[in-house]
N, C-alpha and C. Protein backbone atom coordinates (compact mmCIF):
# COMPACT_ATOMS: atom_id res chain seq x y z
N UNK A 1 68.68 143.35 90.91
CA UNK A 1 68.84 144.32 91.97
C UNK A 1 69.16 143.71 93.34
N UNK A 2 68.47 142.76 93.79
CA UNK A 2 68.69 142.04 95.04
C UNK A 2 70.15 141.56 95.31
N UNK A 3 70.37 140.77 94.34
CA UNK A 3 71.78 140.37 94.22
C UNK A 3 72.82 141.43 94.29
N UNK A 4 72.47 142.21 93.69
CA UNK A 4 73.68 143.59 93.51
C UNK A 4 73.87 144.28 95.14
N UNK A 5 72.36 144.16 95.60
CA UNK A 5 72.40 144.90 96.97
C UNK A 5 73.18 143.92 98.12
N UNK A 6 73.04 142.44 97.69
CA UNK A 6 73.52 141.66 98.57
C UNK A 6 75.10 141.28 98.40
N UNK A 7 75.76 141.47 97.13
CA UNK A 7 77.12 141.64 97.02
C UNK A 7 77.52 143.16 97.20
N UNK A 8 76.98 144.10 97.84
CA UNK A 8 77.52 145.39 98.08
C UNK A 8 78.49 145.22 99.06
N UNK A 9 79.78 145.71 98.35
CA UNK A 9 81.02 145.62 98.69
C UNK A 9 81.82 144.67 98.91
N UNK A 10 81.57 143.81 97.95
CA UNK A 10 82.04 142.67 97.09
C UNK A 10 82.25 142.71 95.68
N UNK A 11 83.40 142.70 95.20
CA UNK A 11 83.93 142.55 93.81
C UNK A 11 82.97 141.40 93.14
N UNK A 12 82.08 141.72 92.20
CA UNK A 12 80.98 140.58 91.40
C UNK A 12 81.97 139.55 90.70
N UNK A 13 83.13 139.55 90.20
CA UNK A 13 83.57 138.88 89.44
C UNK A 13 84.17 137.56 90.70
N UNK A 14 84.86 138.33 92.13
CA UNK A 14 85.31 137.58 92.55
C UNK A 14 84.03 136.64 93.61
N UNK A 15 83.06 137.31 93.35
CA UNK A 15 81.87 136.48 94.19
C UNK A 15 81.43 135.42 93.35
N UNK A 16 81.62 135.55 91.93
CA UNK A 16 80.91 134.60 90.73
C UNK A 16 82.23 133.53 90.74
N UNK A 17 83.36 134.08 90.97
CA UNK A 17 84.40 132.81 91.16
C UNK A 17 84.29 131.91 91.85
N UNK A 18 84.10 132.77 93.27
CA UNK A 18 83.57 131.92 94.44
C UNK A 18 82.76 131.03 94.29
N UNK A 19 81.83 131.56 93.84
CA UNK A 19 80.26 130.56 93.70
C UNK A 19 80.57 129.47 92.62
N UNK A 20 80.95 129.89 91.67
CA UNK A 20 81.34 128.50 90.94
C UNK A 20 82.31 127.63 91.37
N UNK A 21 83.43 128.19 92.27
CA UNK A 21 84.17 126.99 92.76
C UNK A 21 83.33 126.37 93.53
N UNK A 22 82.18 126.80 94.28
CA UNK A 22 81.68 126.27 95.32
C UNK A 22 80.80 124.83 94.69
N UNK A 23 80.11 125.30 93.74
CA UNK A 23 79.23 124.67 92.73
C UNK A 23 80.09 123.49 92.26
N UNK A 24 81.27 123.65 91.50
CA UNK A 24 82.41 122.77 91.26
C UNK A 24 82.50 121.76 92.23
N UNK A 25 82.94 122.37 93.40
CA UNK A 25 83.09 121.31 94.31
C UNK A 25 81.58 120.43 94.98
N UNK A 26 80.73 121.05 94.73
CA UNK A 26 79.28 120.27 94.76
C UNK A 26 79.41 119.17 94.09
N UNK A 27 79.28 119.44 92.95
CA UNK A 27 79.26 118.59 91.90
C UNK A 27 80.36 117.49 92.05
N UNK A 28 81.60 117.83 92.42
CA UNK A 28 82.57 116.64 92.88
C UNK A 28 82.06 115.72 93.91
N UNK A 29 81.71 116.55 94.90
CA UNK A 29 80.99 115.71 96.04
C UNK A 29 79.84 114.65 95.80
N UNK A 30 78.78 115.36 94.94
CA UNK A 30 78.06 114.30 94.56
C UNK A 30 78.44 113.07 93.75
N UNK A 31 79.15 113.38 92.84
CA UNK A 31 79.81 112.53 92.01
C UNK A 31 80.32 111.24 92.73
N UNK A 32 81.20 111.75 93.92
CA UNK A 32 81.95 110.73 94.89
C UNK A 32 80.81 110.21 95.51
N UNK A 33 79.80 110.84 95.95
CA UNK A 33 78.75 110.08 96.89
C UNK A 33 77.87 109.03 96.04
N UNK A 34 77.84 109.59 94.74
CA UNK A 34 77.28 108.40 93.73
C UNK A 34 78.01 107.08 93.43
N UNK A 35 79.19 107.38 93.52
CA UNK A 35 80.28 106.24 93.31
C UNK A 35 80.36 105.48 94.88
N UNK A 36 80.50 106.07 95.68
CA UNK A 36 80.66 105.40 97.02
C UNK A 36 79.15 104.68 97.34
N UNK A 37 78.49 105.10 96.56
CA UNK A 37 77.22 104.43 97.10
C UNK A 37 77.09 103.27 96.20
N UNK A 38 77.43 103.63 94.75
CA UNK A 38 77.26 102.20 94.06
C UNK A 38 78.15 101.31 94.30
N UNK A 39 79.58 101.65 95.05
CA UNK A 39 80.26 100.37 95.26
C UNK A 39 79.82 100.08 96.75
N UNK A 40 78.91 100.77 97.59
CA UNK A 40 78.18 100.23 98.98
C UNK A 40 77.34 99.07 98.33
N UNK A 41 76.26 99.25 97.37
CA UNK A 41 75.62 98.33 96.76
C UNK A 41 76.08 97.52 96.39
N UNK A 42 77.14 97.39 95.52
CA UNK A 42 77.75 96.04 95.07
C UNK A 42 78.26 95.17 96.02
N UNK A 43 79.23 95.73 97.27
CA UNK A 43 79.60 95.21 98.17
C UNK A 43 78.44 94.46 99.08
N UNK A 44 77.53 95.13 99.34
CA UNK A 44 76.51 94.49 99.56
C UNK A 44 75.84 93.31 99.24
N UNK A 45 75.73 93.47 97.66
CA UNK A 45 75.22 92.27 96.94
C UNK A 45 76.21 91.29 96.94
N UNK A 46 77.28 91.30 96.96
CA UNK A 46 78.33 90.41 97.00
C UNK A 46 78.38 89.80 98.17
N UNK A 47 78.20 90.54 99.51
CA UNK A 47 78.10 89.79 100.81
C UNK A 47 76.61 89.12 101.45
N UNK A 48 75.64 89.52 100.51
CA UNK A 48 74.44 88.88 100.59
C UNK A 48 74.45 87.55 99.80
N UNK A 49 75.24 87.65 98.99
CA UNK A 49 75.50 86.07 97.97
C UNK A 49 76.17 85.22 98.59
N UNK A 50 77.27 85.73 99.61
CA UNK A 50 78.46 84.90 100.34
C UNK A 50 77.27 84.33 101.49
N UNK A 51 76.61 85.29 101.86
CA UNK A 51 75.37 84.43 102.80
C UNK A 51 74.67 83.74 102.72
N UNK A 52 74.30 83.92 101.65
CA UNK A 52 73.45 82.85 100.84
C UNK A 52 74.00 81.60 100.67
N UNK A 53 74.82 81.61 100.04
CA UNK A 53 75.74 80.41 99.92
C UNK A 53 76.36 79.75 101.11
N UNK A 54 76.53 80.25 102.11
CA UNK A 54 77.01 79.87 103.48
C UNK A 54 75.80 79.37 104.32
N UNK A 55 74.45 79.83 104.00
CA UNK A 55 73.29 78.85 104.45
C UNK A 55 73.00 77.87 103.66
N UNK A 56 73.46 78.03 102.34
CA UNK A 56 73.13 76.94 101.83
C UNK A 56 73.90 75.47 102.21
N UNK A 57 75.23 76.12 102.25
CA UNK A 57 76.09 74.91 102.59
C UNK A 57 76.03 74.25 103.98
N UNK A 58 75.61 75.15 104.97
CA UNK A 58 74.89 74.80 106.62
C UNK A 58 73.80 73.75 106.03
N UNK A 59 72.92 74.19 105.42
CA UNK A 59 71.97 73.08 105.18
C UNK A 59 72.11 71.77 104.89
N UNK A 60 73.10 71.94 103.76
CA UNK A 60 73.59 70.77 103.11
C UNK A 60 74.27 69.84 104.44
N UNK A 61 75.34 70.28 105.11
CA UNK A 61 75.76 69.65 106.05
C UNK A 61 75.03 69.24 107.60
N UNK A 62 73.87 69.96 107.50
CA UNK A 62 72.66 69.74 108.53
C UNK A 62 72.14 68.43 107.87
N UNK A 63 71.65 68.20 106.48
CA UNK A 63 71.04 67.12 105.90
C UNK A 63 72.17 65.83 105.98
N UNK A 64 73.24 66.40 105.58
CA UNK A 64 74.18 65.14 105.56
C UNK A 64 74.36 64.27 107.33
N UNK A 65 74.55 65.44 108.37
CA UNK A 65 74.33 64.96 109.69
C UNK A 65 73.34 64.30 109.89
N UNK A 66 71.94 64.40 109.84
CA UNK A 66 70.89 63.80 109.90
C UNK A 66 71.06 62.34 109.35
N UNK A 67 71.29 62.75 107.96
CA UNK A 67 71.56 61.25 107.29
C UNK A 67 72.30 60.27 107.95
N UNK A 68 73.43 60.63 108.59
CA UNK A 68 74.86 59.89 108.99
C UNK A 68 74.18 59.45 110.52
N UNK A 69 73.34 60.35 111.06
CA UNK A 69 72.60 59.75 112.45
C UNK A 69 71.67 58.74 112.28
N UNK A 70 71.08 58.91 111.33
CA UNK A 70 69.93 57.62 110.89
C UNK A 70 70.68 56.57 110.80
N UNK A 71 71.69 56.54 109.80
CA UNK A 71 72.75 55.26 109.29
C UNK A 71 73.11 54.56 110.57
N UNK A 72 73.83 55.49 111.59
CA UNK A 72 74.23 55.30 112.85
C UNK A 72 73.23 54.32 113.47
N UNK A 73 72.24 54.73 113.67
CA UNK A 73 71.08 54.13 114.29
C UNK A 73 70.86 53.06 114.00
N UNK A 74 70.81 52.49 112.39
CA UNK A 74 70.17 51.33 111.81
C UNK A 74 71.54 50.38 111.99
N UNK A 75 72.77 51.21 111.60
CA UNK A 75 73.52 50.18 111.53
C UNK A 75 74.69 49.97 113.02
N UNK A 76 74.34 50.65 113.84
CA UNK A 76 75.13 50.90 114.93
C UNK A 76 75.02 49.85 116.14
């Protein structure tokens, strides 16, 4: 009853088609959001792994530099 009163002046089949199209659009938007969220998470993981690799490389370079300084002090 309430729906019929709310739709007073509108053709019910047109309203239902419109609501159905809105629901379909909402579903597509939700799917797109999930896909974009998954892509963001994959990219974030890749970047964090790259940062970790770079930090490890930097640590190795710093260790090598310290070893070279010690060698220079002993042999220089």
